[in-house]
C-alpha atoms as a PDB file:
ATOM      1  CA  MET A   1       0.000   0.000   0.000  1.00  0.00           C
ATOM      2  CA  PHE A   2       1.216   3.489  -0.838  1.00  0.00           C
ATOM      3  CA  LYS A   3       2.075   6.079   1.794  1.00  0.00           C
ATOM      4  CA  ASN A   4      -0.898   8.272   2.762  1.00  0.00           C
ATOM      5  CA  SER A   5      -3.238   5.877   0.989  1.00  0.00           C
ATOM      6  CA  LEU A   6      -6.503   7.512  -0.011  1.00  0.00           C
ATOM      7  CA  THR A   7      -8.202   4.198  -0.729  1.00  0.00           C
ATOM      8  CA  LYS A   8      -7.622   2.901   2.782  1.00  0.00           C
ATOM      9  CA  ASN A   9     -10.447   3.860   5.148  1.00  0.00           C
ATOM     10  CA  ALA A  10     -12.065   5.948   2.413  1.00  0.00           C
ATOM     11  CA  ARG A  11     -15.653   7.153   2.279  1.00  0.00           C
ATOM     12  CA  ALA A  12     -16.565   6.129  -1.234  1.00  0.00           C
ATOM     13  CA  VAL A  13     -19.409   6.407  -3.723  1.00  0.00           C
ATOM     14  CA  ILE A  14     -19.350   4.005  -6.680  1.00  0.00           C
ATOM     15  CA  THR A  15     -21.777   4.175  -9.601  1.00  0.00           C
ATOM     16  CA  GLY A  16     -22.609   0.998 -11.492  1.00  0.00           C
ATOM     17  CA  ALA A  17     -21.637  -0.964  -8.381  1.00  0.00           C
ATOM     18  CA  GLY A  18     -24.123  -3.762  -9.005  1.00  0.00           C
ATOM     19  CA  SER A  19     -21.771  -5.781 -11.202  1.00  0.00           C
ATOM     20  CA  GLY A  20     -18.453  -5.964 -13.032  1.00  0.00           C
ATOM     21  CA  ILE A  21     -15.700  -3.487 -12.283  1.00  0.00           C
ATOM     22  CA  GLY A  22     -17.952  -1.449  -9.993  1.00  0.00           C
ATOM     23  CA  LYS A  23     -18.681  -4.438  -7.793  1.00  0.00           C
ATOM     24  CA  ALA A  24     -15.022  -5.450  -7.738  1.00  0.00           C
ATOM     25  CA  LEU A  25     -14.059  -1.915  -6.694  1.00  0.00           C
ATOM     26  CA  ALA A  26     -16.579  -1.990  -3.841  1.00  0.00           C
ATOM     27  CA  LEU A  27     -15.249  -5.299  -2.532  1.00  0.00           C
ATOM     28  CA  GLU A  28     -11.623  -4.202  -2.812  1.00  0.00           C
ATOM     29  CA  LEU A  29     -12.372  -0.968  -0.985  1.00  0.00           C
ATOM     30  CA  ALA A  30     -14.054  -2.998   1.760  1.00  0.00           C
ATOM     31  CA  ARG A  31     -10.867  -5.046   2.129  1.00  0.00           C
ATOM     32  CA  ARG A  32      -9.046  -1.738   2.610  1.00  0.00           C
ATOM     33  CA  GLY A  33     -11.364  -0.725   5.428  1.00  0.00           C
ATOM     34  CA  SER A  34     -13.394   1.779   3.436  1.00  0.00           C
ATOM     35  CA  LEU A  35     -17.056   2.694   3.767  1.00  0.00           C
ATOM     36  CA  VAL A  36     -18.897   2.242   0.481  1.00  0.00           C
ATOM     37  CA  VAL A  37     -22.090   3.686  -0.955  1.00  0.00           C
ATOM     38  CA  CYS A  38     -22.994   1.248  -3.730  1.00  0.00           C
ATOM     39  CA  THR A  39     -25.237   2.786  -6.340  1.00  0.00           C
ATOM     40  CA  ASP A  40     -26.754   1.277  -9.447  1.00  0.00           C
ATOM     41  CA  ILE A  41     -29.827   1.804 -11.603  1.00  0.00           C
ATOM     42  CA  ASN A  42     -30.796  -1.675 -10.381  1.00  0.00           C
ATOM     43  CA  LEU A  43     -31.292  -1.339  -6.623  1.00  0.00           C
ATOM     44  CA  ASP A  44     -31.362  -5.110  -6.087  1.00  0.00           C
ATOM     45  CA  ALA A  45     -27.942  -5.444  -7.719  1.00  0.00           C
ATOM     46  CA  ALA A  46     -26.563  -2.594  -5.608  1.00  0.00           C
ATOM     47  CA  GLU A  47     -27.924  -4.235  -2.467  1.00  0.00           C
ATOM     48  CA  GLN A  48     -26.331  -7.549  -3.402  1.00  0.00           C
ATOM     49  CA  THR A  49     -22.944  -5.845  -3.676  1.00  0.00           C
ATOM     50  CA  ALA A  50     -23.501  -4.032  -0.382  1.00  0.00           C
ATOM     51  CA  SER A  51     -24.381  -7.353   1.257  1.00  0.00           C
ATOM     52  CA  GLU A  52     -21.136  -8.895   0.015  1.00  0.00           C
ATOM     53  CA  VAL A  53     -19.217  -5.940   1.420  1.00  0.00           C
ATOM     54  CA  ARG A  54     -20.865  -6.523   4.796  1.00  0.00           C
ATOM     55  CA  ARG A  55     -19.961 -10.209   4.663  1.00  0.00           C
ATOM     56  CA  LEU A  56     -16.347  -9.103   4.339  1.00  0.00           C
ATOM     57  CA  GLY A  57     -16.779  -7.162   7.554  1.00  0.00           C
ATOM     58  CA  GLY A  58     -17.158  -3.786   5.870  1.00  0.00           C
ATOM     59  CA  GLN A  59     -19.881  -1.170   5.908  1.00  0.00           C
ATOM     60  CA  ALA A  60     -21.937  -0.457   2.812  1.00  0.00           C
ATOM     61  CA  TRP A  61     -25.233   1.021   1.733  1.00  0.00           C
ATOM     62  CA  ALA A  62     -27.235   0.528  -1.462  1.00  0.00           C
ATOM     63  CA  VAL A  63     -28.791   3.488  -3.276  1.00  0.00           C
ATOM     64  CA  ALA A  64     -30.655   3.483  -6.592  1.00  0.00           C
ATOM     65  CA  CYS A  65     -29.393   6.052  -9.094  1.00  0.00           C
ATOM     66  CA  ASP A  66     -29.801   6.591 -12.825  1.00  0.00           C
ATOM     67  CA  VAL A  67     -26.596   8.452 -13.666  1.00  0.00           C
ATOM     68  CA  SER A  68     -28.144   9.866 -16.841  1.00  0.00           C
ATOM     69  CA  LYS A  69     -30.381  12.059 -14.645  1.00  0.00           C
ATOM     70  CA  LEU A  70     -28.723  15.063 -12.990  1.00  0.00           C
ATOM     71  CA  GLU A  71     -31.314  15.294 -10.249  1.00  0.00           C
ATOM     72  CA  GLN A  72     -30.684  11.668  -9.260  1.00  0.00           C
ATOM     73  CA  VAL A  73     -26.926  12.223  -9.050  1.00  0.00           C
ATOM     74  CA  GLN A  74     -27.523  15.298  -6.907  1.00  0.00           C
ATOM     75  CA  ALA A  75     -29.834  13.261  -4.672  1.00  0.00           C
ATOM     76  CA  LEU A  76     -27.156  10.549  -4.468  1.00  0.00           C
ATOM     77  CA  ALA A  77     -24.594  13.059  -3.206  1.00  0.00           C
ATOM     78  CA  ASP A  78     -26.990  14.323  -0.553  1.00  0.00           C
ATOM     79  CA  LYS A  79     -27.894  10.775   0.477  1.00  0.00           C
ATOM     80  CA  ALA A  80     -24.230   9.810   0.789  1.00  0.00           C
ATOM     81  CA  ASP A  81     -23.685  12.723   3.153  1.00  0.00           C
ATOM     82  CA  GLU A  82     -26.563  11.415   5.271  1.00  0.00           C
ATOM     83  CA  LEU A  83     -25.291   7.844   5.344  1.00  0.00           C
ATOM     84  CA  LEU A  84     -21.590   8.439   5.933  1.00  0.00           C
ATOM     85  CA  PRO A  85     -20.123   9.694   9.224  1.00  0.00           C
ATOM     86  CA  GLU A  86     -17.993  12.230   7.311  1.00  0.00           C
ATOM     87  CA  PRO A  87     -18.204  13.710   3.794  1.00  0.00           C
ATOM     88  CA  VAL A  88     -17.405  11.593   0.737  1.00  0.00           C
ATOM     89  CA  ASN A  89     -13.726  11.678  -0.211  1.00  0.00           C
ATOM     90  CA  LEU A  90     -13.666   9.153  -3.057  1.00  0.00           C
ATOM     91  CA  VAL A  91     -15.977   9.087  -6.083  1.00  0.00           C
ATOM     92  CA  ILE A  92     -15.797   6.425  -8.779  1.00  0.00           C
ATOM     93  CA  ASN A  93     -17.781   7.165 -11.940  1.00  0.00           C
ATOM     94  CA  ASN A  94     -17.997   3.621 -13.223  1.00  0.00           C
ATOM     95  CA  ALA A  95     -21.518   3.148 -14.639  1.00  0.00           C
ATOM     96  CA  GLY A  96     -21.386   2.401 -18.346  1.00  0.00           C
ATOM     97  CA  VAL A  97     -22.877   0.430 -21.208  1.00  0.00           C
ATOM     98  CA  GLY A  98     -21.479  -1.235 -24.316  1.00  0.00           C
ATOM     99  CA  VAL A  99     -22.608  -0.618 -27.879  1.00  0.00           C
ATOM    100  CA  GLY A 100     -21.040  -1.994 -31.034  1.00  0.00           C
ATOM    101  CA  GLY A 101     -21.291  -4.072 -34.164  1.00  0.00           C
ATOM    102  CA  LYS A 102     -22.397  -1.424 -36.666  1.00  0.00           C
ATOM    103  CA  THR A 103     -20.635   1.328 -38.560  1.00  0.00           C
ATOM    104  CA  ILE A 104     -21.255   5.014 -38.058  1.00  0.00           C
ATOM    105  CA  GLY A 105     -24.290   5.714 -40.204  1.00  0.00           C
ATOM    106  CA  GLU A 106     -25.768   2.294 -39.514  1.00  0.00           C
ATOM    107  CA  THR A 107     -25.800   2.626 -35.717  1.00  0.00           C
ATOM    108  CA  SER A 108     -29.215   3.904 -34.694  1.00  0.00           C
ATOM    109  CA  ILE A 109     -29.588   7.348 -33.176  1.00  0.00           C
ATOM    110  CA  GLU A 110     -31.384   5.643 -30.290  1.00  0.00           C
ATOM    111  CA  ASP A 111     -28.225   3.641 -29.532  1.00  0.00           C
ATOM    112  CA  TRP A 112     -26.112   6.797 -29.782  1.00  0.00           C
ATOM    113  CA  GLU A 113     -28.384   8.640 -27.359  1.00  0.00           C
ATOM    114  CA  TRP A 114     -28.553   5.716 -24.921  1.00  0.00           C
ATOM    115  CA  THR A 115     -24.757   5.409 -24.840  1.00  0.00           C
ATOM    116  CA  VAL A 116     -24.132   9.152 -24.557  1.00  0.00           C
ATOM    117  CA  ASN A 117     -26.699   9.549 -21.782  1.00  0.00           C
ATOM    118  CA  ILE A 118     -25.028   6.928 -19.589  1.00  0.00           C
ATOM    119  CA  ASN A 119     -21.351   6.838 -20.545  1.00  0.00           C
ATOM    120  CA  LEU A 120     -20.870  10.567 -21.072  1.00  0.00           C
ATOM    121  CA  TRP A 121     -23.489  12.366 -19.010  1.00  0.00           C
ATOM    122  CA  GLY A 122     -22.981   9.934 -16.143  1.00  0.00           C
ATOM    123  CA  VAL A 123     -19.355  11.054 -15.888  1.00  0.00           C
ATOM    124  CA  VAL A 124     -20.221  14.717 -16.450  1.00  0.00           C
ATOM    125  CA  TYR A 125     -22.880  14.691 -13.741  1.00  0.00           C
ATOM    126  CA  GLY A 126     -20.698  12.743 -11.325  1.00  0.00           C
ATOM    127  CA  CYS A 127     -17.823  15.194 -11.698  1.00  0.00           C
ATOM    128  CA  HIS A 128     -20.101  18.254 -11.746  1.00  0.00           C
ATOM    129  CA  VAL A 129     -21.860  17.300  -8.523  1.00  0.00           C
ATOM    130  CA  PHE A 130     -19.001  15.800  -6.531  1.00  0.00           C
ATOM    131  CA  ALA A 131     -15.896  17.775  -7.581  1.00  0.00           C
ATOM    132  CA  PRO A 132     -16.852  20.934  -5.637  1.00  0.00           C
ATOM    133  CA  ARG A 133     -17.533  18.803  -2.549  1.00  0.00           C
ATOM    134  CA  LEU A 134     -14.244  16.945  -2.880  1.00  0.00           C
ATOM    135  CA  ARG A 135     -12.337  20.233  -3.112  1.00  0.00           C
ATOM    136  CA  LEU A 136     -13.350  20.862   0.489  1.00  0.00           C
ATOM    137  CA  GLN A 137     -11.511  17.724   1.647  1.00  0.00           C
ATOM    138  CA  GLU A 138      -7.876  17.720   2.689  1.00  0.00           C
ATOM    139  CA  GLN A 139      -7.361  14.590   0.584  1.00  0.00           C
ATOM    140  CA  ALA A 140      -9.806  13.182  -1.955  1.00  0.00           C
ATOM    141  CA  GLY A 141      -9.966  11.341  -5.262  1.00  0.00           C
ATOM    142  CA  ILE A 142     -11.979  10.710  -8.406  1.00  0.00           C
ATOM    143  CA  ILE A 143     -11.686   7.669 -10.645  1.00  0.00           C
ATOM    144  CA  ASN A 144     -13.419   7.857 -14.009  1.00  0.00           C
ATOM    145  CA  VAL A 145     -13.740   4.482 -15.698  1.00  0.00           C
ATOM    146  CA  ALA A 146     -12.885   5.109 -19.333  1.00  0.00           C
ATOM    147  CA  SER A 147     -11.463   2.394 -21.589  1.00  0.00           C
ATOM    148  CA  THR A 148      -8.723   1.710 -24.085  1.00  0.00           C
ATOM    149  CA  ALA A 149     -11.558   2.505 -26.503  1.00  0.00           C
ATOM    150  CA  SER A 150     -11.046   6.128 -25.453  1.00  0.00           C
ATOM    151  CA  PHE A 151      -7.962   6.269 -27.681  1.00  0.00           C
ATOM    152  CA  SER A 152      -7.935   3.063 -29.751  1.00  0.00           C
ATOM    153  CA  ALA A 153     -10.788   4.047 -32.113  1.00  0.00           C
ATOM    154  CA  ALA A 154     -11.615   0.414 -32.909  1.00  0.00           C
ATOM    155  CA  PRO A 155     -14.038  -0.040 -35.833  1.00  0.00           C
ATOM    156  CA  LEU A 156     -17.752  -0.728 -35.250  1.00  0.00           C
ATOM    157  CA  MET A 157     -17.695   0.927 -31.815  1.00  0.00           C
ATOM    158  CA  GLY A 158     -18.451   4.556 -32.665  1.00  0.00           C
ATOM    159  CA  PRO A 159     -20.750   5.515 -29.756  1.00  0.00           C
ATOM    160  CA  TYR A 160     -18.666   3.639 -27.193  1.00  0.00           C
ATOM    161  CA  ASN A 161     -15.385   5.084 -28.491  1.00  0.00           C
ATOM    162  CA  ALA A 162     -16.757   8.617 -28.523  1.00  0.00           C
ATOM    163  CA  THR A 163     -18.150   8.512 -25.002  1.00  0.00           C
ATOM    164  CA  LYS A 164     -15.066   6.898 -23.519  1.00  0.00           C
ATOM    165  CA  ALA A 165     -12.824   9.433 -25.295  1.00  0.00           C
ATOM    166  CA  ALA A 166     -14.930  12.140 -23.669  1.00  0.00           C
ATOM    167  CA  ALA A 167     -14.540  10.475 -20.268  1.00  0.00           C
ATOM    168  CA  LEU A 168     -10.767  10.511 -20.738  1.00  0.00           C
ATOM    169  CA  ALA A 169     -10.764  14.164 -21.818  1.00  0.00           C
ATOM    170  CA  ILE A 170     -12.899  15.127 -18.819  1.00  0.00           C
ATOM    171  CA  SER A 171     -10.463  13.308 -16.531  1.00  0.00           C
ATOM    172  CA  GLU A 172      -7.476  15.101 -18.058  1.00  0.00           C
ATOM    173  CA  THR A 173      -9.215  18.468 -17.784  1.00  0.00           C
ATOM    174  CA  LEU A 174     -10.280  17.816 -14.213  1.00  0.00           C
ATOM    175  CA  ALA A 175      -6.758  16.762 -13.261  1.00  0.00           C
ATOM    176  CA  ALA A 176      -5.417  20.074 -14.568  1.00  0.00           C
ATOM    177  CA  GLU A 177      -8.127  22.066 -12.787  1.00  0.00           C
ATOM    178  CA  LEU A 178      -7.515  20.259  -9.506  1.00  0.00           C
ATOM    179  CA  SER A 179      -3.731  20.447  -9.702  1.00  0.00           C
ATOM    180  CA  GLY A 180      -2.385  21.906  -6.489  1.00  0.00           C
ATOM    181  CA  THR A 181      -5.397  20.800  -4.462  1.00  0.00           C
ATOM    182  CA  GLY A 182      -5.733  17.653  -2.382  1.00  0.00           C
ATOM    183  CA  VAL A 183      -7.859  15.955  -5.057  1.00  0.00           C
ATOM    184  CA  SER A 184      -6.274  13.303  -7.283  1.00  0.00           C
ATOM    185  CA  VAL A 185      -7.817  12.124 -10.560  1.00  0.00           C
ATOM    186  CA  THR A 186      -7.342   8.787 -12.285  1.00  0.00           C
ATOM    187  CA  ALA A 187      -8.698   7.614 -15.629  1.00  0.00           C
ATOM    188  CA  LEU A 188      -8.981   3.834 -15.795  1.00  0.00           C
ATOM    189  CA  CYS A 189      -8.395   2.576 -19.342  1.00  0.00           C
ATOM    190  CA  PRO A 190      -8.543  -1.232 -19.553  1.00  0.00           C
ATOM    191  CA  THR A 191      -8.992  -3.395 -22.625  1.00  0.00           C
ATOM    192  CA  LEU A 192     -10.998  -6.594 -22.130  1.00  0.00           C
ATOM    193  CA  VAL A 193     -12.296  -7.224 -18.611  1.00  0.00           C
ATOM    194  CA  LYS A 194     -14.399 -10.210 -17.597  1.00  0.00           C
ATOM    195  CA  THR A 195     -17.712  -8.490 -16.842  1.00  0.00           C
ATOM    196  CA  ASN A 196     -21.302  -8.747 -18.056  1.00  0.00           C
ATOM    197  CA  ILE A 197     -21.110  -5.599 -20.204  1.00  0.00           C
ATOM    198  CA  SER A 198     -22.005  -7.504 -23.372  1.00  0.00           C
ATOM    199  CA  ALA A 199     -25.040  -9.109 -21.737  1.00  0.00           C
ATOM    200  CA  ASN A 200     -26.318  -5.732 -20.571  1.00  0.00           C
ATOM    201  CA  GLY A 201     -25.246  -3.810 -23.661  1.00  0.00           C
ATOM    202  CA  ARG A 202     -26.200  -3.505 -27.304  1.00  0.00           C
ATOM    203  CA  ILE A 203     -23.350  -5.205 -29.143  1.00  0.00           C
ATOM    204  CA  GLN A 204     -24.699  -6.635 -32.354  1.00  0.00           C
ATOM    205  CA  GLY A 205     -24.404 -10.093 -33.918  1.00  0.00           C
ATOM    206  CA  GLU A 206     -20.963 -11.318 -34.926  1.00  0.00           C
ATOM    207  CA  SER A 207     -19.243  -8.509 -33.037  1.00  0.00           C
ATOM    208  CA  ASN A 208     -20.873  -9.673 -29.818  1.00  0.00           C
ATOM    209  CA  ASP A 209     -19.740 -13.265 -30.428  1.00  0.00           C
ATOM    210  CA  LEU A 210     -16.191 -12.106 -31.153  1.00  0.00           C
ATOM    211  CA  PHE A 211     -16.163  -9.846 -28.098  1.00  0.00           C
ATOM    212  CA  ASN A 212     -17.278 -12.668 -25.799  1.00  0.00           C
ATOM    213  CA  ARG A 213     -14.742 -15.129 -27.220  1.00  0.00           C
ATOM    214  CA  LEU A 214     -11.902 -12.660 -26.800  1.00  0.00           C
ATOM    215  CA  MET A 215     -13.050 -11.740 -23.307  1.00  0.00           C
ATOM    216  CA  ASP A 216     -13.091 -15.403 -22.291  1.00  0.00           C
ATOM    217  CA  ARG A 217      -9.646 -16.026 -23.750  1.00  0.00           C
ATOM    218  CA  ILE A 218      -7.680 -12.942 -22.788  1.00  0.00           C
ATOM    219  CA  GLY A 219      -9.892 -10.849 -20.513  1.00  0.00           C
ATOM    220  CA  MET A 220      -8.457  -9.707 -17.180  1.00  0.00           C
ATOM    221  CA  SER A 221     -10.430 -10.308 -14.004  1.00  0.00           C
ATOM    222  CA  ALA A 222     -12.419  -7.371 -12.659  1.00  0.00           C
ATOM    223  CA  ASP A 223     -10.802  -7.934  -9.247  1.00  0.00           C
ATOM    224  CA  LYS A 224      -7.313  -7.347 -10.625  1.00  0.00           C
ATOM    225  CA  VAL A 225      -8.417  -4.281 -12.576  1.00  0.00           C
ATOM    226  CA  ALA A 226     -10.000  -2.872  -9.406  1.00  0.00           C
ATOM    227  CA  ARG A 227      -6.817  -3.337  -7.389  1.00  0.00           C
ATOM    228  CA  MET A 228      -4.720  -1.669 -10.072  1.00  0.00           C
ATOM    229  CA  ALA A 229      -7.133   1.254 -10.368  1.00  0.00           C
ATOM    230  CA  LEU A 230      -7.131   1.934  -6.637  1.00  0.00           C
ATOM    231  CA  ASP A 231      -3.369   1.539  -6.366  1.00  0.00           C
ATOM    232  CA  GLY A 232      -3.019   3.923  -9.311  1.00  0.00           C
ATOM    233  CA  LEU A 233      -5.072   6.571  -7.545  1.00  0.00           C
ATOM    234  CA  ASP A 234      -2.985   6.143  -4.395  1.00  0.00           C
ATOM    235  CA  ASN A 235       0.100   6.592  -6.549  1.00  0.00           C
ATOM    236  CA  LYS A 236      -1.413   9.727  -8.160  1.00  0.00           C
ATOM    237  CA  GLN A 237      -1.421   8.181 -11.634  1.00  0.00           C
ATOM    238  CA  LEU A 238      -3.622  10.035 -14.098  1.00  0.00           C
ATOM    239  CA  TYR A 239      -3.682   7.057 -16.488  1.00  0.00           C
ATOM    240  CA  VAL A 240      -4.094   3.445 -15.384  1.00  0.00           C
ATOM    241  CA  MET A 241      -3.847   0.953 -18.240  1.00  0.00           C
ATOM    242  CA  PRO A 242      -3.942  -2.471 -16.594  1.00  0.00           C
ATOM    243  CA  GLN A 243      -3.074  -4.585 -19.627  1.00  0.00           C
ATOM    244  CA  VAL A 244       0.022  -4.658 -21.801  1.00  0.00           C
ATOM    245  CA  ASP A 245      -2.038  -4.356 -24.980  1.00  0.00           C
ATOM    246  CA  ALA A 246      -3.578  -1.092 -23.743  1.00  0.00           C
ATOM    247  CA  ARG A 247      -0.141   0.396 -23.207  1.00  0.00           C
ATOM    248  CA  MET A 248       1.048  -0.851 -26.593  1.00  0.00           C
ATOM    249  CA  ILE A 249      -1.929   0.723 -28.395  1.00  0.00           C
ATOM    250  CA  TRP A 250      -1.309   4.002 -26.532  1.00  0.00           C
ATOM    251  CA  ARG A 251       2.311   4.115 -27.716  1.00  0.00           C
ATOM    252  CA  ILE A 252       1.733   2.912 -31.282  1.00  0.00           C
ATOM    253  CA  LYS A 253      -0.972   5.481 -31.948  1.00  0.00           C
ATOM    254  CA  ARG A 254       1.376   8.254 -30.890  1.00  0.00           C
ATOM    255  CA  LEU A 255       4.364   6.935 -32.812  1.00  0.00           C
ATOM    256  CA  LEU A 256       2.445   6.114 -36.017  1.00  0.00           C
ATOM    257  CA  PRO A 257      -0.574   8.439 -36.071  1.00  0.00           C
ATOM    258  CA  ASN A 258      -0.977   8.465 -39.856  1.00  0.00           C
ATOM    259  CA  SER A 259      -0.843   4.687 -40.163  1.00  0.00           C
ATOM    260  CA  TYR A 260      -2.843   3.807 -37.076  1.00  0.00           C
ATOM    261  CA  ALA A 261      -6.330   3.807 -38.641  1.00  0.00           C
ATOM    262  CA  ALA A 262      -5.230   1.547 -41.511  1.00  0.00           C
ATOM    263  CA  ILE A 263      -3.442  -0.827 -39.144  1.00  0.00           C
ATOM    264  CA  THR A 264      -6.488  -0.981 -36.860  1.00  0.00           C
ATOM    265  CA  GLY A 265      -8.806  -1.724 -39.770  1.00  0.00           C
ATOM    266  CA  LEU A 266      -6.555  -4.530 -41.012  1.00  0.00           C
ATOM    267  CA  ILE A 267      -6.342  -6.137 -37.575  1.00  0.00           C
ATOM    268  CA  ASN A 268     -10.103  -5.887 -37.171  1.00  0.00           C
ATOM    269  CA  ARG A 269     -10.742  -7.632 -40.519  1.00  0.00           C
ATOM    270  CA  ARG A 270      -8.281 -10.421 -39.785  1.00  0.00           C
ATOM    271  CA  MET A 271      -9.541 -11.060 -36.272  1.00  0.00           C
ATOM    272  CA  THR A 272     -13.134 -11.065 -37.436  1.00  0.00           C
ATOM    273  CA  SER A 273     -12.399 -13.662 -40.103  1.00  0.00           C
ATOM    274  CA  LYS A 274     -10.398 -15.763 -37.629  1.00  0.00           C
ATOM    275  CA  PHE A 275     -12.866 -15.904 -34.749  1.00  0.00           C
ATOM    276  CA  VAL A 276     -16.268 -15.715 -36.423  1.00  0.00           C
END
């Protein structure tokens, strides 16, 4: 554990805590002695996570919240202040959905709006509501769950790529604005993580099959991603890229910007033909 660890004995709010990375983050925080407000659009799922935290000996509360609604995020912040013995000092904007399988122009506007409302506005609202409160703390942190999709620009993932790129840009902007304060910002940018995002998302046809096969074969566990994200925040890392392939994509895109799109398209075509 890092010196002056923020994630130890924190007072945390996690969106999308009912499953996947959000759930893993809640359980890992519990192991670190933190108090956790588990929020999800599905209250039953949030309560299940909170129950698991309690079984670990931690303290947790479940709150329903649709992160695409500003008034619900504001109500969440107020509720967290009621539940916790001291103000929140760690916010994790994790709630997100997956969309893919169609090109830009073929993807429905409904899918664009659904993805933007959750993946983008959820992060905007979370930062808008909580950042001023966190500024009042001597030490505090924000983790925004982005994705390698925020910079990889993989084909057939337009809405997801766009919203995750926005989440990364918001994190970078927030880090600059909060520089010199006690608030640290981390953007989590994993590649494939073993979660239920495809089951709860709108990934179409062959792309969904390919995604699930790749996730089964090379996906990292949500538990490991959670540990790395929290350790990254403690270490004041702006970017946390848990997997080697994420770091490779980051470097290649910057070294070969003019060739990157063509290379990505070629890899996509070959992988599709191999796995489908």
